[in-house]
């Protein structure tokens, strides 16, 4: 009996990794590249690690992760899920996404907030319990705006690269990073 319980516990993290979230909002056309195949995204589409989501000129995709973190990308955007781990019992976890081009909105969920990173061509954004938006131009220039959440609460974000870092701590703080250096 104990071997069955141990086997179930050992397999649980593997099962949890398969689906990290779902598409909760979809407009226009969007696609996912998974295992070298391109798939058109539909409502309630299951998101997995290493998915590369791309929107067309009419596309908007809203993803709800297992910890209630919400990430939305709009027209002509590319987002890759690099890492997602979440333990609902402790709220410990890690989220890393890569936004190579386009516009996104991020809203913190229940996860330990110091373990959230949004990587762009020019900077890495570390999120601590907040809402923010980002715009990444084709050239890699990255603009980040810190926003209060729906209740008016405000967390913080740190934007860093090889040149240094800046903390966004006030509502509507904006930083533009022109290159990785």
Protein backbone atom coordinates (compact mmCIF):
# COMPACT_ATOMS: atom_id res chain seq x y z
CA UNK A 1 0.00 0.00 0.00
CA UNK A 2 2.70 2.51 0.95
CA UNK A 3 4.45 1.84 -2.38
CA UNK A 4 1.29 2.87 -4.24
CA UNK A 5 1.05 6.07 -2.20
CA UNK A 6 4.74 6.83 -2.79
CA UNK A 7 4.37 6.17 -6.50
CA UNK A 8 1.35 8.51 -6.66
CA UNK A 9 3.27 11.26 -4.85
CA UNK A 10 6.27 10.89 -7.12
CA UNK A 11 4.09 11.09 -10.22
CA UNK A 12 2.02 14.06 -9.01
CA UNK A 13 4.56 16.79 -9.90
CA UNK A 14 4.96 15.32 -13.37
CA UNK A 15 1.21 15.37 -13.92
CA UNK A 16 0.93 18.94 -12.62
CA UNK A 17 3.57 20.17 -15.08
CA UNK A 18 1.63 19.04 -18.18
CA UNK A 19 -1.03 21.77 -18.09
CA UNK A 20 -0.02 25.08 -16.51
CA UNK A 21 -3.12 27.07 -17.40
CA UNK A 22 -5.92 27.66 -19.89
CA UNK A 23 -6.95 30.25 -22.42
CA UNK A 24 -9.75 32.18 -20.71
CA UNK A 25 -10.20 34.91 -23.30
CA UNK A 26 -9.77 34.70 -27.05
CA UNK A 27 -10.50 37.15 -29.82
CA UNK A 28 -9.44 36.92 -33.44
CA UNK A 29 -6.76 34.43 -34.40
CA UNK A 30 -3.91 33.09 -32.32
CA UNK A 31 -1.63 30.11 -32.71
CA UNK A 32 0.57 27.93 -30.54
CA UNK A 33 3.73 26.14 -31.54
CA UNK A 34 4.08 22.94 -29.54
CA UNK A 35 6.37 20.03 -30.40
CA UNK A 36 7.21 21.64 -33.75
CA UNK A 37 3.53 21.77 -34.74
CA UNK A 38 1.45 24.92 -35.15
CA UNK A 39 -2.04 24.69 -33.65
CA UNK A 40 -4.81 27.26 -33.83
CA UNK A 41 -5.86 28.28 -30.30
CA UNK A 42 -9.50 27.88 -29.28
CA UNK A 43 -11.41 28.82 -26.10
CA UNK A 44 -10.31 26.85 -23.01
CA UNK A 45 -7.16 25.71 -24.84
CA UNK A 46 -4.75 24.06 -22.38
CA UNK A 47 -1.41 25.85 -22.02
CA UNK A 48 1.74 23.81 -21.38
CA UNK A 49 5.36 24.56 -20.63
CA UNK A 50 7.41 25.60 -23.65
CA UNK A 51 4.31 26.67 -25.59
CA UNK A 52 5.01 29.55 -27.97
CA UNK A 53 1.83 31.61 -28.37
CA UNK A 54 1.52 34.07 -31.24
CA UNK A 55 -1.33 36.43 -32.03
CA UNK A 56 -2.22 37.74 -35.47
CA UNK A 57 -3.17 41.33 -36.27
CA UNK A 58 -6.66 40.54 -34.89
CA UNK A 59 -5.66 38.25 -32.03
CA UNK A 60 -5.98 38.65 -28.28
CA UNK A 61 -5.22 35.77 -25.88
CA UNK A 62 -5.85 35.82 -22.14
CA UNK A 63 -4.20 33.01 -20.17
CA UNK A 64 -5.19 32.06 -16.64
CA UNK A 65 -2.46 30.06 -14.89
CA UNK A 66 -3.12 27.47 -12.18
CA UNK A 67 -2.30 30.01 -9.43
CA UNK A 68 -4.76 32.58 -10.87
CA UNK A 69 -2.01 34.66 -12.50
CA UNK A 70 -3.39 36.26 -15.64
CA UNK A 71 -1.36 37.16 -18.72
CA UNK A 72 -2.93 38.73 -21.78
CA UNK A 73 -1.21 39.40 -25.10
CA UNK A 74 -2.76 41.43 -27.87
CA UNK A 75 -2.24 41.81 -31.62
CA UNK A 76 1.06 40.72 -33.18
CA UNK A 77 2.60 39.41 -29.96
CA UNK A 78 4.76 36.38 -29.16
CA UNK A 79 4.92 34.80 -25.71
CA UNK A 80 6.69 31.62 -24.59
CA UNK A 81 6.07 29.76 -21.33
CA UNK A 82 9.60 29.05 -20.07
CA UNK A 83 8.80 27.74 -16.60
CA UNK A 84 5.82 27.24 -14.31
CA UNK A 85 5.78 25.42 -10.99
CA UNK A 86 3.13 25.96 -8.34
CA UNK A 87 2.28 24.30 -5.02
CA UNK A 88 -1.19 25.44 -3.92
CA UNK A 89 -0.60 24.20 -0.36
CA UNK A 90 2.30 26.62 0.22
CA UNK A 91 1.81 29.09 -2.70
CA UNK A 92 5.47 28.51 -3.52
CA UNK A 93 6.24 28.46 -7.18
CA UNK A 94 7.98 29.96 -10.12
CA UNK A 95 6.82 31.54 -13.36
CA UNK A 96 9.08 32.59 -16.20
CA UNK A 97 7.68 33.82 -19.50
CA UNK A 98 9.45 35.28 -22.48
CA UNK A 99 7.75 38.04 -24.45
CA UNK A 100 9.82 38.65 -27.58
CA UNK A 101 7.55 41.19 -29.28
CA UNK A 102 4.16 42.80 -28.76
CA UNK A 103 2.04 44.02 -25.88
CA UNK A 104 1.15 42.18 -22.69
CA UNK A 105 -0.71 42.70 -19.43
CA UNK A 106 0.30 40.77 -16.32
CA UNK A 107 -1.83 40.39 -13.15
CA UNK A 108 -0.32 38.56 -10.16
CA UNK A 109 -1.99 35.44 -8.83
CA UNK A 110 -1.43 33.54 -5.59
CA UNK A 111 2.18 32.52 -6.21
CA UNK A 112 5.14 33.63 -4.12
CA UNK A 113 5.66 36.90 -5.93
CA UNK A 114 9.46 37.06 -5.90
CA UNK A 115 9.64 34.10 -8.25
CA UNK A 116 7.98 35.68 -11.28
CA UNK A 117 10.13 36.81 -14.20
CA UNK A 118 9.08 38.25 -17.55
CA UNK A 119 11.97 38.17 -19.98
CA UNK A 120 12.13 40.53 -22.96
CA UNK A 121 14.95 41.15 -25.47
CA UNK A 122 16.10 44.22 -23.50
CA UNK A 123 15.36 43.40 -19.85
CA UNK A 124 14.03 41.03 -17.23
CA UNK A 125 11.03 42.16 -15.20
CA UNK A 126 10.74 40.69 -11.72
CA UNK A 127 7.20 41.01 -10.41
CA UNK A 128 6.13 41.28 -6.77
CA UNK A 129 2.37 41.09 -6.39
CA UNK A 130 1.11 43.61 -8.88
CA UNK A 131 -0.35 44.45 -12.25
CA UNK A 132 1.74 45.79 -15.11
CA UNK A 133 1.80 46.22 -18.84
CA UNK A 134 4.65 45.94 -21.27
CA UNK A 135 5.28 46.85 -24.88
CA UNK A 136 8.15 45.22 -26.74
CA UNK A 137 8.96 46.71 -30.12
CA UNK A 138 10.45 44.72 -33.02
CA UNK A 139 13.81 46.33 -32.17
CA UNK A 140 13.58 44.91 -28.62
CA UNK A 141 12.95 48.27 -26.95
CA UNK A 142 10.87 47.45 -23.87
CA UNK A 143 8.48 49.79 -22.03
CA UNK A 144 6.98 48.69 -18.70
CA UNK A 145 4.19 50.46 -16.75
CA UNK A 146 3.28 49.57 -13.15
CA UNK A 147 -0.47 49.65 -12.47
CA UNK A 148 -2.69 49.32 -9.40
CA UNK A 149 -4.80 46.16 -9.40
CA UNK A 150 -8.61 46.06 -9.57
CA UNK A 151 -8.85 46.77 -5.81
CA UNK A 152 -6.39 49.68 -5.97
CA UNK A 153 -3.55 47.70 -4.37
CA UNK A 154 -0.06 48.14 -5.71
CA UNK A 155 2.88 45.79 -5.61
CA UNK A 156 6.23 46.43 -7.22
CA UNK A 157 8.35 45.40 -10.17
CA UNK A 158 12.05 45.52 -10.87
CA UNK A 159 13.30 45.99 -14.41
CA UNK A 160 16.93 44.97 -14.92
CA UNK A 161 19.57 44.17 -17.49
CA UNK A 162 23.38 44.34 -17.80
CA UNK A 163 23.32 48.12 -17.27
CA UNK A 164 21.55 47.94 -13.90
CA UNK A 165 18.04 47.91 -12.52
CA UNK A 166 15.20 50.20 -11.57
CA UNK A 167 12.36 49.51 -9.16
CA UNK A 168 8.84 50.55 -10.09
CA UNK A 169 6.98 51.26 -6.84
CA UNK A 170 4.44 53.99 -7.58
CA UNK A 171 1.26 53.81 -9.65
CA UNK A 172 1.89 54.43 -13.34
CA UNK A 173 5.69 54.41 -13.00
CA UNK A 174 7.07 53.83 -16.49
CA UNK A 175 10.50 52.74 -17.65
CA UNK A 176 11.76 52.26 -21.19
CA UNK A 177 14.80 50.05 -21.80
CA UNK A 178 16.40 50.58 -25.19
CA UNK A 179 18.86 47.67 -25.25
CA UNK A 180 20.11 44.75 -23.16
CA UNK A 181 23.14 46.84 -22.16
